[in-house]
Amino acid sequence: MKISFTAEQIAGFLGGEIRGNKDACVSDVSGIEEAREGTLCFLSDEKYVHYLSQTKAAIVLMSKSIPFEGETQATLILVDNARAAVASLLQMVSEVLNPRKKGIEQPCFIAEGVEVPEDAYIGAYAYIAKGVRLGKGAQIYPHTYLGENVSLGDNCTLYDGVKVYYNCRIGNDCILHAGAVIGADGFGFEPDANGVNRKVPQIGNVVIEDDVEIGANSTIDRAMMGTTRVGKNTKIDNLVQIGHNCEVGESSFLCAQVGIAGSTKVGKHCILAGQVGVAGHISIPDGTILGAQSGVAGTIRKPGTYMGSPAIDAALWRRAQVVIKNLPEIQKVINEIERNK
């Protein structure tokens, strides 16, 4: 499906100021450096302003704070924040390309007594067990499974193949991408007297608060007892593992392949970059940033930016990397000193 918008339509939606042809039309987007004809791009950093004189883009969204007195063939739309404006525009386009669905496709299974809101969508081969509560505007895509007594808030979207085990709760305005699994058993085993690993029943649940997005094939384990909790507005990337009884604070980012072992508490407004590994039964304070591939073996006492494994202050880690890079030369110097003793 191909759609197009004029500069006048875009400026009207964004509340922007047009400089140029109000009838200029775009049907695609591109980066400012390689902008193509018929595309829209955005400019939010003054260091890229020189591209305007040569761009082939039909429309450029530009922050008002960027000075430009030169000439360009593109139509400019001036807004307060070009990056934020693009996000709003893409949201509008997304809603056109992938509109909300409505109705119940067959075959699917909906247990007796489950109330399906009039504006909800239930895709083919979905399974909705007894006791499930569906909020208004629910979007349940094909092959999704909702176990007994699952609660789903308003305006949630669960894409193809999402699995939510029994008794788990998901708040309002949440998005779960394909293959996400919420509420599988935590990794709990205890060796018996003969050294045989016996399963410890995991009888808790998972609570996902409002406005959380969970990426494809990410997993959040149910608590052994109590609750594994993800705070509101937290965004979780693809292939992330959160262990049983963990707590992740609100408005945090967990990037791809992050792994958090059981009973760990991650604070609010934290960022865990790709492939960060966090040991169990520790705490990470609010506002902490962990660089890619960091390994956190113990509780972090002070907010800051950390890198390395084990994770240390990022500035110290960078200095250490310089030394490590020079170790072969340092070894040569040491060997020379030893020979000359």
C-alpha atoms as a PDB file:
ATOM      1  CA  MET A   1       0.000   0.000   0.000  1.00  0.00           C
ATOM      2  CA  LYS A   2       1.491   3.303  -1.105  1.00  0.00           C
ATOM      3  CA  ILE A   3       0.275   6.601   0.323  1.00  0.00           C
ATOM      4  CA  SER A   4       1.251  10.188  -0.332  1.00  0.00           C
ATOM      5  CA  PHE A   5       0.962  13.486   1.518  1.00  0.00           C
ATOM      6  CA  THR A   6       1.344  17.098   0.445  1.00  0.00           C
ATOM      7  CA  ALA A   7       3.368  19.701   2.298  1.00  0.00           C
ATOM      8  CA  GLU A   8       0.119  21.446   3.184  1.00  0.00           C
ATOM      9  CA  GLN A   9      -1.292  18.279   4.760  1.00  0.00           C
ATOM     10  CA  ILE A  10       1.896  17.593   6.713  1.00  0.00           C
ATOM     11  CA  ALA A  11       2.245  21.169   7.939  1.00  0.00           C
ATOM     12  CA  GLY A  12      -1.397  21.178   8.998  1.00  0.00           C
ATOM     13  CA  PHE A  13      -0.950  17.970  10.977  1.00  0.00           C
ATOM     14  CA  LEU A  14       2.254  19.166  12.647  1.00  0.00           C
ATOM     15  CA  GLY A  15       1.388  22.838  13.016  1.00  0.00           C
ATOM     16  CA  GLY A  16       4.446  23.743  10.921  1.00  0.00           C
ATOM     17  CA  GLU A  17       5.310  26.734   8.731  1.00  0.00           C
ATOM     18  CA  ILE A  18       5.729  26.103   4.982  1.00  0.00           C
ATOM     19  CA  ARG A  19       8.509  27.694   2.977  1.00  0.00           C
ATOM     20  CA  GLY A  20       8.126  26.721  -0.651  1.00  0.00           C
ATOM     21  CA  ASN A  21       5.532  24.790  -2.628  1.00  0.00           C
ATOM     22  CA  LYS A  22       2.569  23.822  -0.457  1.00  0.00           C
ATOM     23  CA  ASP A  23       1.556  21.231  -3.088  1.00  0.00           C
ATOM     24  CA  ALA A  24       4.884  19.376  -2.970  1.00  0.00           C
ATOM     25  CA  CYS A  25       4.105  15.679  -2.513  1.00  0.00           C
ATOM     26  CA  VAL A  26       5.966  12.810  -0.847  1.00  0.00           C
ATOM     27  CA  SER A  27       5.344   9.070  -0.767  1.00  0.00           C
ATOM     28  CA  ASP A  28       8.444   7.852   1.083  1.00  0.00           C
ATOM     29  CA  VAL A  29      11.108   8.969   3.555  1.00  0.00           C
ATOM     30  CA  SER A  30      14.897   9.116   3.296  1.00  0.00           C
ATOM     31  CA  GLY A  31      17.933  10.393   5.166  1.00  0.00           C
ATOM     32  CA  ILE A  32      19.122  13.930   4.479  1.00  0.00           C
ATOM     33  CA  GLU A  33      22.488  12.658   3.155  1.00  0.00           C
ATOM     34  CA  GLU A  34      21.022  10.468   0.393  1.00  0.00           C
ATOM     35  CA  ALA A  35      17.563  12.002  -0.059  1.00  0.00           C
ATOM     36  CA  ARG A  36      15.730  10.883  -3.195  1.00  0.00           C
ATOM     37  CA  GLU A  37      13.111  12.589  -5.309  1.00  0.00           C
ATOM     38  CA  GLY A  38       9.605  12.356  -3.916  1.00  0.00           C
ATOM     39  CA  THR A  39      10.794  11.708  -0.360  1.00  0.00           C
ATOM     40  CA  LEU A  40      10.619  13.508   2.952  1.00  0.00           C
ATOM     41  CA  CYS A  41      13.593  13.890   5.251  1.00  0.00           C
ATOM     42  CA  PHE A  42      14.243  15.811   8.449  1.00  0.00           C
ATOM     43  CA  LEU A  43      16.949  18.140   9.705  1.00  0.00           C
ATOM     44  CA  SER A  44      17.431  18.547  13.444  1.00  0.00           C
ATOM     45  CA  ASP A  45      21.182  19.215  13.638  1.00  0.00           C
ATOM     46  CA  GLU A  46      22.885  22.293  12.214  1.00  0.00           C
ATOM     47  CA  LYS A  47      25.909  20.284  11.049  1.00  0.00           C
ATOM     48  CA  TYR A  48      23.790  18.740   8.266  1.00  0.00           C
ATOM     49  CA  VAL A  49      22.382  22.037   6.957  1.00  0.00           C
ATOM     50  CA  HIS A  50      24.802  22.096   3.998  1.00  0.00           C
ATOM     51  CA  TYR A  51      22.887  19.188   2.473  1.00  0.00           C
ATOM     52  CA  LEU A  52      19.912  21.482   1.818  1.00  0.00           C
ATOM     53  CA  SER A  53      21.583  23.156  -1.141  1.00  0.00           C
ATOM     54  CA  GLN A  54      21.928  19.856  -3.018  1.00  0.00           C
ATOM     55  CA  THR A  55      19.116  17.676  -1.685  1.00  0.00           C
ATOM     56  CA  LYS A  56      16.664  16.025  -4.079  1.00  0.00           C
ATOM     57  CA  ALA A  57      14.057  15.576  -1.326  1.00  0.00           C
ATOM     58  CA  ALA A  58      10.660  17.080  -2.041  1.00  0.00           C
ATOM     59  CA  ILE A  59      10.055  18.116   1.574  1.00  0.00           C
ATOM     60  CA  VAL A  60      12.408  18.690   4.494  1.00  0.00           C
ATOM     61  CA  LEU A  61      11.155  18.952   8.058  1.00  0.00           C
ATOM     62  CA  MET A  62      13.512  21.363   9.801  1.00  0.00           C
ATOM     63  CA  SER A  63      13.815  22.669  13.350  1.00  0.00           C
ATOM     64  CA  LYS A  64      13.145  26.416  13.515  1.00  0.00           C
ATOM     65  CA  SER A  65      16.297  26.943  15.558  1.00  0.00           C
ATOM     66  CA  ILE A  66      18.553  25.980  12.601  1.00  0.00           C
ATOM     67  CA  PRO A  67      19.677  29.042  10.596  1.00  0.00           C
ATOM     68  CA  PHE A  68      19.423  28.752   6.816  1.00  0.00           C
ATOM     69  CA  GLU A  69      19.544  31.619   4.345  1.00  0.00           C
ATOM     70  CA  GLY A  70      20.620  29.677   1.262  1.00  0.00           C
ATOM     71  CA  GLU A  71      18.638  28.188  -1.584  1.00  0.00           C
ATOM     72  CA  THR A  72      17.093  24.734  -1.842  1.00  0.00           C
ATOM     73  CA  GLN A  73      14.754  23.059  -4.269  1.00  0.00           C
ATOM     74  CA  ALA A  74      12.997  21.311  -1.383  1.00  0.00           C
ATOM     75  CA  THR A  75       9.922  22.651   0.354  1.00  0.00           C
ATOM     76  CA  LEU A  76      10.784  23.356   3.988  1.00  0.00           C
ATOM     77  CA  ILE A  77       8.382  22.781   6.851  1.00  0.00           C
ATOM     78  CA  LEU A  78       9.629  24.563   9.966  1.00  0.00           C
ATOM     79  CA  VAL A  79       8.698  23.030  13.312  1.00  0.00           C
ATOM     80  CA  ASP A  80       9.886  23.427  16.895  1.00  0.00           C
ATOM     81  CA  ASN A  81      11.556  19.994  16.984  1.00  0.00           C
ATOM     82  CA  ALA A  82      12.102  18.159  13.711  1.00  0.00           C
ATOM     83  CA  ARG A  83      12.910  14.798  15.330  1.00  0.00           C
ATOM     84  CA  ALA A  84       9.756  14.868  17.462  1.00  0.00           C
ATOM     85  CA  ALA A  85       7.740  16.000  14.433  1.00  0.00           C
ATOM     86  CA  VAL A  86       8.962  13.022  12.406  1.00  0.00           C
ATOM     87  CA  ALA A  87       7.915  10.678  15.213  1.00  0.00           C
ATOM     88  CA  SER A  88       4.405  12.190  15.178  1.00  0.00           C
ATOM     89  CA  LEU A  89       4.226  11.967  11.410  1.00  0.00           C
ATOM     90  CA  LEU A  90       5.360   8.343  11.337  1.00  0.00           C
ATOM     91  CA  GLN A  91       2.707   7.526  13.935  1.00  0.00           C
ATOM     92  CA  MET A  92       0.079   8.947  11.587  1.00  0.00           C
ATOM     93  CA  VAL A  93       1.489   6.979   8.645  1.00  0.00           C
ATOM     94  CA  SER A  94       1.621   3.802  10.728  1.00  0.00           C
ATOM     95  CA  GLU A  95      -2.044   4.134  11.568  1.00  0.00           C
ATOM     96  CA  VAL A  96      -2.852   4.421   7.866  1.00  0.00           C
ATOM     97  CA  LEU A  97      -0.670   1.478   6.829  1.00  0.00           C
ATOM     98  CA  ASN A  98      -1.682  -0.766   9.735  1.00  0.00           C
ATOM     99  CA  PRO A  99      -5.118   0.376  10.930  1.00  0.00           C
ATOM    100  CA  ARG A 100      -6.647  -1.070  14.066  1.00  0.00           C
ATOM    101  CA  LYS A 101      -8.678  -4.181  13.356  1.00  0.00           C
ATOM    102  CA  LYS A 102     -12.103  -5.149  14.632  1.00  0.00           C
ATOM    103  CA  GLY A 103     -14.047  -8.372  14.884  1.00  0.00           C
ATOM    104  CA  ILE A 104     -13.454 -12.038  15.592  1.00  0.00           C
ATOM    105  CA  GLU A 105     -11.815 -14.259  12.982  1.00  0.00           C
ATOM    106  CA  GLN A 106     -12.501 -17.965  12.798  1.00  0.00           C
ATOM    107  CA  PRO A 107     -11.339 -20.432  13.803  1.00  0.00           C
ATOM    108  CA  CYS A 108     -10.367 -19.297  17.280  1.00  0.00           C
ATOM    109  CA  PHE A 109     -11.249 -20.327  20.825  1.00  0.00           C
ATOM    110  CA  ILE A 110     -12.812 -17.994  23.360  1.00  0.00           C
ATOM    111  CA  ALA A 111     -13.810 -19.613  26.656  1.00  0.00           C
ATOM    112  CA  GLU A 112     -17.359 -19.303  27.872  1.00  0.00           C
ATOM    113  CA  GLY A 113     -17.883 -16.220  29.989  1.00  0.00           C
ATOM    114  CA  VAL A 114     -15.088 -14.137  28.445  1.00  0.00           C
ATOM    115  CA  GLU A 115     -16.454 -10.769  27.341  1.00  0.00           C
ATOM    116  CA  VAL A 116     -15.018  -9.438  24.092  1.00  0.00           C
ATOM    117  CA  PRO A 117     -15.350  -5.636  23.761  1.00  0.00           C
ATOM    118  CA  GLU A 118     -17.181  -4.452  20.652  1.00  0.00           C
ATOM    119  CA  ASP A 119     -14.082  -2.660  19.345  1.00  0.00           C
ATOM    120  CA  ALA A 120     -11.692  -5.569  19.946  1.00  0.00           C
ATOM    121  CA  TYR A 121      -9.991  -7.774  17.363  1.00  0.00           C
ATOM    122  CA  ILE A 122      -9.377 -11.507  17.851  1.00  0.00           C
ATOM    123  CA  GLY A 123      -7.261 -13.112  15.110  1.00  0.00           C
ATOM    124  CA  ALA A 124      -7.582 -16.616  13.733  1.00  0.00           C
ATOM    125  CA  TYR A 125      -6.307 -19.488  15.916  1.00  0.00           C
ATOM    126  CA  ALA A 126      -6.090 -17.318  19.003  1.00  0.00           C
ATOM    127  CA  TYR A 127      -6.822 -19.124  22.290  1.00  0.00           C
ATOM    128  CA  ILE A 128      -8.422 -17.197  25.125  1.00  0.00           C
ATOM    129  CA  ALA A 129      -8.899 -19.241  28.294  1.00  0.00           C
ATOM    130  CA  LYS A 130     -11.552 -18.935  30.965  1.00  0.00           C
ATOM    131  CA  GLY A 131     -11.407 -15.983  33.320  1.00  0.00           C
ATOM    132  CA  VAL A 132      -9.545 -13.741  30.859  1.00  0.00           C
ATOM    133  CA  ARG A 133     -10.383 -10.047  31.004  1.00  0.00           C
ATOM    134  CA  LEU A 134      -9.992  -8.114  27.760  1.00  0.00           C
ATOM    135  CA  GLY A 135      -9.785  -4.318  27.845  1.00  0.00           C
ATOM    136  CA  LYS A 136     -11.351  -1.985  25.311  1.00  0.00           C
ATOM    137  CA  GLY A 137      -9.717  -1.895  21.891  1.00  0.00           C
ATOM    138  CA  ALA A 138      -7.726  -5.104  22.419  1.00  0.00           C
ATOM    139  CA  GLN A 139      -5.823  -6.232  19.322  1.00  0.00           C
ATOM    140  CA  ILE A 140      -5.164  -9.971  19.624  1.00  0.00           C
ATOM    141  CA  TYR A 141      -3.344 -11.202  16.514  1.00  0.00           C
ATOM    142  CA  PRO A 142      -3.422 -14.806  15.209  1.00  0.00           C
ATOM    143  CA  HIS A 143      -1.948 -17.692  17.196  1.00  0.00           C
ATOM    144  CA  THR A 144      -1.863 -15.697  20.441  1.00  0.00           C
ATOM    145  CA  TYR A 145      -2.453 -17.564  23.702  1.00  0.00           C
ATOM    146  CA  LEU A 146      -3.951 -16.023  26.834  1.00  0.00           C
ATOM    147  CA  GLY A 147      -4.014 -18.403  29.797  1.00  0.00           C
ATOM    148  CA  GLU A 148      -6.554 -18.602  32.585  1.00  0.00           C
ATOM    149  CA  ASN A 149      -7.335 -15.402  34.482  1.00  0.00           C
ATOM    150  CA  VAL A 150      -5.039 -13.230  32.392  1.00  0.00           C
ATOM    151  CA  SER A 151      -5.952  -9.551  32.597  1.00  0.00           C
ATOM    152  CA  LEU A 152      -5.350  -7.306  29.592  1.00  0.00           C
ATOM    153  CA  GLY A 153      -5.813  -3.531  29.884  1.00  0.00           C
ATOM    154  CA  ASP A 154      -7.305  -1.109  27.387  1.00  0.00           C
ATOM    155  CA  ASN A 155      -5.793  -0.500  23.939  1.00  0.00           C
ATOM    156  CA  CYS A 156      -3.252  -3.314  24.074  1.00  0.00           C
ATOM    157  CA  THR A 157      -1.778  -4.963  20.988  1.00  0.00           C
ATOM    158  CA  LEU A 158      -0.488  -8.531  21.115  1.00  0.00           C
ATOM    159  CA  TYR A 159       1.093  -9.521  17.820  1.00  0.00           C
ATOM    160  CA  ASP A 160       1.252 -12.978  16.266  1.00  0.00           C
ATOM    161  CA  GLY A 161       2.188 -15.831  18.545  1.00  0.00           C
ATOM    162  CA  VAL A 162       2.415 -13.979  21.848  1.00  0.00           C
ATOM    163  CA  LYS A 163       1.975 -16.269  24.860  1.00  0.00           C
ATOM    164  CA  VAL A 164       0.736 -14.984  28.230  1.00  0.00           C
ATOM    165  CA  TYR A 165       0.551 -17.647  30.924  1.00  0.00           C
ATOM    166  CA  TYR A 166      -2.110 -17.902  33.619  1.00  0.00           C
ATOM    167  CA  ASN A 167      -2.766 -15.167  36.203  1.00  0.00           C
ATOM    168  CA  CYS A 168      -0.484 -12.587  34.555  1.00  0.00           C
ATOM    169  CA  ARG A 169      -1.606  -8.976  34.265  1.00  0.00           C
ATOM    170  CA  ILE A 170      -0.880  -6.495  31.501  1.00  0.00           C
ATOM    171  CA  GLY A 171      -1.756  -2.819  31.862  1.00  0.00           C
ATOM    172  CA  ASN A 172      -3.167  -0.275  29.437  1.00  0.00           C
ATOM    173  CA  ASP A 173      -1.590   0.752  26.115  1.00  0.00           C
ATOM    174  CA  CYS A 174       0.949  -2.065  26.012  1.00  0.00           C
ATOM    175  CA  ILE A 175       2.471  -3.595  22.869  1.00  0.00           C
ATOM    176  CA  LEU A 176       3.830  -7.148  22.832  1.00  0.00           C
ATOM    177  CA  HIS A 177       5.588  -8.157  19.635  1.00  0.00           C
ATOM    178  CA  ALA A 178       5.567 -11.549  17.955  1.00  0.00           C
ATOM    179  CA  GLY A 179       6.798 -14.463  20.001  1.00  0.00           C
ATOM    180  CA  ALA A 180       7.018 -12.681  23.352  1.00  0.00           C
ATOM    181  CA  VAL A 181       6.378 -15.018  26.297  1.00  0.00           C
ATOM    182  CA  ILE A 182       5.051 -13.619  29.561  1.00  0.00           C
ATOM    183  CA  GLY A 183       4.832 -15.788  32.650  1.00  0.00           C
ATOM    184  CA  ALA A 184       6.767 -18.937  31.762  1.00  0.00           C
ATOM    185  CA  ASP A 185       8.206 -20.665  34.830  1.00  0.00           C
ATOM    186  CA  GLY A 186      11.191 -19.058  36.480  1.00  0.00           C
ATOM    187  CA  PHE A 187      14.436 -21.061  36.362  1.00  0.00           C
ATOM    188  CA  GLY A 188      14.098 -22.592  39.808  1.00  0.00           C
ATOM    189  CA  PHE A 189      15.647 -25.954  40.718  1.00  0.00           C
ATOM    190  CA  GLU A 190      17.027 -27.473  43.895  1.00  0.00           C
ATOM    191  CA  PRO A 191      19.257 -30.578  44.075  1.00  0.00           C
ATOM    192  CA  ASP A 192      17.922 -33.313  46.353  1.00  0.00           C
ATOM    193  CA  ALA A 193      20.011 -35.553  48.629  1.00  0.00           C
ATOM    194  CA  ASN A 194      21.064 -37.613  45.615  1.00  0.00           C
ATOM    195  CA  GLY A 195      22.131 -34.593  43.575  1.00  0.00           C
ATOM    196  CA  VAL A 196      19.087 -34.767  41.285  1.00  0.00           C
ATOM    197  CA  ASN A 197      17.807 -31.355  40.277  1.00  0.00           C
ATOM    198  CA  ARG A 198      14.194 -31.028  41.411  1.00  0.00           C
ATOM    199  CA  LYS A 199      11.894 -28.331  40.067  1.00  0.00           C
ATOM    200  CA  VAL A 200      10.767 -25.646  42.508  1.00  0.00           C
ATOM    201  CA  PRO A 201       7.165 -24.759  41.578  1.00  0.00           C
ATOM    202  CA  GLN A 202       6.788 -21.199  40.315  1.00  0.00           C
ATOM    203  CA  ILE A 203       3.386 -20.066  41.575  1.00  0.00           C
ATOM    204  CA  GLY A 204       3.692 -16.274  41.304  1.00  0.00           C
ATOM    205  CA  ASN A 205       2.843 -14.123  38.308  1.00  0.00           C
ATOM    206  CA  VAL A 206       4.032 -11.290  36.068  1.00  0.00           C
ATOM    207  CA  VAL A 207       2.652  -7.752  36.134  1.00  0.00           C
ATOM    208  CA  ILE A 208       3.322  -5.471  33.174  1.00  0.00           C
ATOM    209  CA  GLU A 209       2.318  -1.896  33.990  1.00  0.00           C
ATOM    210  CA  ASP A 210       0.897   0.688  31.548  1.00  0.00           C
ATOM    211  CA  ASP A 211       2.563   1.825  28.304  1.00  0.00           C
ATOM    212  CA  VAL A 212       5.186  -0.934  28.164  1.00  0.00           C
ATOM    213  CA  GLU A 213       6.481  -2.251  24.834  1.00  0.00           C
ATOM    214  CA  ILE A 214       8.089  -5.687  24.668  1.00  0.00           C
ATOM    215  CA  GLY A 215      10.086  -6.793  21.628  1.00  0.00           C
ATOM    216  CA  ALA A 216       9.881  -9.965  19.585  1.00  0.00           C
ATOM    217  CA  ASN A 217      10.872 -13.224  21.315  1.00  0.00           C
ATOM    218  CA  SER A 218      11.571 -11.585  24.658  1.00  0.00           C
ATOM    219  CA  THR A 219      10.679 -13.524  27.801  1.00  0.00           C
ATOM    220  CA  ILE A 220       9.633 -12.448  31.272  1.00  0.00           C
ATOM    221  CA  ASP A 221       9.449 -15.269  33.820  1.00  0.00           C
ATOM    222  CA  ARG A 222       6.792 -15.604  36.485  1.00  0.00           C
ATOM    223  CA  ALA A 223       7.827 -15.260  40.103  1.00  0.00           C
ATOM    224  CA  MET A 224       8.423 -18.251  42.319  1.00  0.00           C
ATOM    225  CA  MET A 225       6.177 -16.460  44.821  1.00  0.00           C
ATOM    226  CA  GLY A 226       4.853 -12.932  44.496  1.00  0.00           C
ATOM    227  CA  THR A 227       5.335 -10.927  41.309  1.00  0.00           C
ATOM    228  CA  THR A 228       7.841 -10.247  38.546  1.00  0.00           C
ATOM    229  CA  ARG A 229       7.139  -6.597  37.667  1.00  0.00           C
ATOM    230  CA  VAL A 230       7.914  -4.272  34.759  1.00  0.00           C
ATOM    231  CA  GLY A 231       7.213  -0.599  35.510  1.00  0.00           C
ATOM    232  CA  LYS A 232       5.180   1.724  33.338  1.00  0.00           C
ATOM    233  CA  ASN A 233       6.630   3.255  30.159  1.00  0.00           C
ATOM    234  CA  THR A 234       9.551   0.821  30.084  1.00  0.00           C
ATOM    235  CA  LYS A 235      10.676  -0.283  26.630  1.00  0.00           C
ATOM    236  CA  ILE A 236      12.126  -3.760  26.107  1.00  0.00           C
ATOM    237  CA  ASP A 237      13.909  -4.734  22.895  1.00  0.00           C
ATOM    238  CA  ASN A 238      13.955  -8.098  21.108  1.00  0.00           C
ATOM    239  CA  LEU A 239      15.491 -11.205  22.695  1.00  0.00           C
ATOM    240  CA  VAL A 240      15.578  -9.917  26.260  1.00  0.00           C
ATOM    241  CA  GLN A 241      15.314 -12.280  29.242  1.00  0.00           C
ATOM    242  CA  ILE A 242      13.997 -11.113  32.620  1.00  0.00           C
ATOM    243  CA  GLY A 243      14.188 -13.739  35.356  1.00  0.00           C
ATOM    244  CA  HIS A 244      11.735 -14.612  38.088  1.00  0.00           C
ATOM    245  CA  ASN A 245      10.940 -12.089  40.851  1.00  0.00           C
ATOM    246  CA  CYS A 246      12.792  -9.278  39.078  1.00  0.00           C
ATOM    247  CA  GLU A 247      11.586  -5.699  39.239  1.00  0.00           C
ATOM    248  CA  VAL A 248      12.298  -3.214  36.447  1.00  0.00           C
ATOM    249  CA  GLY A 249      11.504   0.410  37.237  1.00  0.00           C
ATOM    250  CA  GLU A 250       9.480   2.766  35.086  1.00  0.00           C
ATOM    251  CA  SER A 251      10.753   4.463  31.915  1.00  0.00           C
ATOM    252  CA  SER A 252      13.782   2.204  31.555  1.00  0.00           C
ATOM    253  CA  PHE A 253      15.300   0.840  28.329  1.00  0.00           C
ATOM    254  CA  LEU A 254      16.443  -2.786  27.988  1.00  0.00           C
ATOM    255  CA  CYS A 255      18.183  -3.294  24.652  1.00  0.00           C
ATOM    256  CA  ALA A 256      18.610  -6.489  22.630  1.00  0.00           C
ATOM    257  CA  GLN A 257      19.927  -9.627  24.330  1.00  0.00           C
ATOM    258  CA  VAL A 258      19.945  -8.183  27.830  1.00  0.00           C
ATOM    259  CA  GLY A 259      19.713 -10.914  30.448  1.00  0.00           C
ATOM    260  CA  ILE A 260      18.666 -10.253  34.054  1.00  0.00           C
ATOM    261  CA  ALA A 261      18.888 -13.100  36.559  1.00  0.00           C
ATOM    262  CA  GLY A 262      16.254 -13.718  39.208  1.00  0.00           C
ATOM    263  CA  SER A 263      15.297 -11.397  42.075  1.00  0.00           C
ATOM    264  CA  THR A 264      17.250  -8.429  40.747  1.00  0.00           C
ATOM    265  CA  LYS A 265      15.885  -4.902  41.004  1.00  0.00           C
ATOM    266  CA  VAL A 266      16.557  -2.409  38.202  1.00  0.00           C
ATOM    267  CA  GLY A 267      15.662   1.185  39.041  1.00  0.00           C
ATOM    268  CA  LYS A 268      13.731   3.847  37.155  1.00  0.00           C
ATOM    269  CA  HIS A 269      15.083   5.577  34.032  1.00  0.00           C
ATOM    270  CA  CYS A 270      17.887   3.053  33.571  1.00  0.00           C
ATOM    271  CA  ILE A 271      19.448   2.075  30.240  1.00  0.00           C
ATOM    272  CA  LEU A 272      20.859  -1.416  29.738  1.00  0.00           C
ATOM    273  CA  ALA A 273      22.535  -1.513  26.328  1.00  0.00           C
ATOM    274  CA  GLY A 274      22.850  -4.589  24.122  1.00  0.00           C
ATOM    275  CA  GLN A 275      24.011  -7.884  25.635  1.00  0.00           C
ATOM    276  CA  VAL A 276      24.277  -6.566  29.191  1.00  0.00           C
ATOM    277  CA  GLY A 277      24.252  -9.410  31.695  1.00  0.00           C
ATOM    278  CA  VAL A 278      23.072  -8.862  35.268  1.00  0.00           C
ATOM    279  CA  ALA A 279      23.545 -11.347  38.104  1.00  0.00           C
ATOM    280  CA  GLY A 280      20.724 -12.323  40.441  1.00  0.00           C
ATOM    281  CA  HIS A 281      19.730 -10.885  43.813  1.00  0.00           C
ATOM    282  CA  ILE A 282      21.349  -7.484  43.255  1.00  0.00           C
ATOM    283  CA  SER A 283      20.153  -3.895  42.770  1.00  0.00           C
ATOM    284  CA  ILE A 284      20.820  -1.203  40.173  1.00  0.00           C
ATOM    285  CA  PRO A 285      19.917   2.374  41.202  1.00  0.00           C
ATOM    286  CA  ASP A 286      17.706   4.832  39.320  1.00  0.00           C
ATOM    287  CA  GLY A 287      19.293   6.556  36.334  1.00  0.00           C
ATOM    288  CA  THR A 288      22.097   4.043  35.803  1.00  0.00           C
ATOM    289  CA  ILE A 289      23.474   3.442  32.293  1.00  0.00           C
ATOM    290  CA  LEU A 290      25.203   0.147  31.471  1.00  0.00           C
ATOM    291  CA  GLY A 291      27.230   0.057  28.255  1.00  0.00           C
ATOM    292  CA  ALA A 292      26.974  -2.755  25.733  1.00  0.00           C
ATOM    293  CA  GLN A 293      28.197  -6.189  26.890  1.00  0.00           C
ATOM    294  CA  SER A 294      28.693  -5.025  30.470  1.00  0.00           C
ATOM    295  CA  GLY A 295      28.566  -7.699  33.145  1.00  0.00           C
ATOM    296  CA  VAL A 296      27.113  -6.698  36.502  1.00  0.00           C
ATOM    297  CA  ALA A 297      28.143  -9.136  39.214  1.00  0.00           C
ATOM    298  CA  GLY A 298      27.138  -7.163  42.304  1.00  0.00           C
ATOM    299  CA  THR A 299      24.915  -4.342  43.515  1.00  0.00           C
ATOM    300  CA  ILE A 300      25.705  -0.909  42.078  1.00  0.00           C
ATOM    301  CA  ARG A 301      25.597   1.650  44.881  1.00  0.00           C
ATOM    302  CA  LYS A 302      25.848   4.909  42.955  1.00  0.00           C
ATOM    303  CA  PRO A 303      24.025   5.983  39.765  1.00  0.00           C
ATOM    304  CA  GLY A 304      26.320   6.580  36.812  1.00  0.00           C
ATOM    305  CA  THR A 305      27.575   5.105  33.566  1.00  0.00           C
ATOM    306  CA  TYR A 306      29.336   1.755  33.778  1.00  0.00           C
ATOM    307  CA  MET A 307      31.060  -0.492  31.274  1.00  0.00           C
ATOM    308  CA  GLY A 308      33.051  -3.688  31.165  1.00  0.00           C
ATOM    309  CA  SER A 309      32.824  -7.057  32.870  1.00  0.00           C
ATOM    310  CA  PRO A 310      32.785  -6.774  35.766  1.00  0.00           C
ATOM    311  CA  ALA A 311      31.225  -3.364  35.191  1.00  0.00           C
ATOM    312  CA  ILE A 312      33.209  -0.367  36.430  1.00  0.00           C
ATOM    313  CA  ASP A 313      32.919   3.403  36.036  1.00  0.00           C
ATOM    314  CA  ALA A 314      32.878   4.120  32.285  1.00  0.00           C
ATOM    315  CA  ALA A 315      35.647   6.733  32.420  1.00  0.00           C
ATOM    316  CA  LEU A 316      37.928   4.307  34.272  1.00  0.00           C
ATOM    317  CA  TRP A 317      37.001   1.527  31.837  1.00  0.00           C
ATOM    318  CA  ARG A 318      37.961   3.682  28.842  1.00  0.00           C
ATOM    319  CA  ARG A 319      41.328   4.491  30.376  1.00  0.00           C
ATOM    320  CA  ALA A 320      41.883   0.803  31.090  1.00  0.00           C
ATOM    321  CA  GLN A 321      41.131  -0.067  27.450  1.00  0.00           C
ATOM    322  CA  VAL A 322      43.904   2.260  26.318  1.00  0.00           C
ATOM    323  CA  VAL A 323      46.312   0.394  28.581  1.00  0.00           C
ATOM    324  CA  ILE A 324      45.077  -3.006  27.400  1.00  0.00           C
ATOM    325  CA  LYS A 325      45.534  -1.974  23.768  1.00  0.00           C
ATOM    326  CA  ASN A 326      49.139  -1.013  24.538  1.00  0.00           C
ATOM    327  CA  LEU A 327      49.981  -4.129  26.581  1.00  0.00           C
ATOM    328  CA  PRO A 328      52.054  -5.814  23.826  1.00  0.00           C
ATOM    329  CA  GLU A 329      54.322  -2.752  23.575  1.00  0.00           C
ATOM    330  CA  ILE A 330      54.472  -2.448  27.363  1.00  0.00           C
ATOM    331  CA  GLN A 331      55.486  -6.121  27.538  1.00  0.00           C
ATOM    332  CA  LYS A 332      58.320  -5.470  25.075  1.00  0.00           C
ATOM    333  CA  VAL A 333      59.586  -2.609  27.254  1.00  0.00           C
ATOM    334  CA  ILE A 334      59.459  -4.797  30.377  1.00  0.00           C
ATOM    335  CA  ASN A 335      61.283  -7.631  28.603  1.00  0.00           C
ATOM    336  CA  GLU A 336      63.978  -5.203  27.488  1.00  0.00           C
ATOM    337  CA  ILE A 337      64.418  -3.905  31.035  1.00  0.00           C
ATOM    338  CA  GLU A 338      64.692  -7.485  32.342  1.00  0.00           C
ATOM    339  CA  ARG A 339      67.373  -8.344  29.764  1.00  0.00           C
ATOM    340  CA  ASN A 340      69.425  -5.270  30.646  1.00  0.00           C
ATOM    341  CA  LYS A 341      69.461  -5.854  34.404  1.00  0.00           C
END
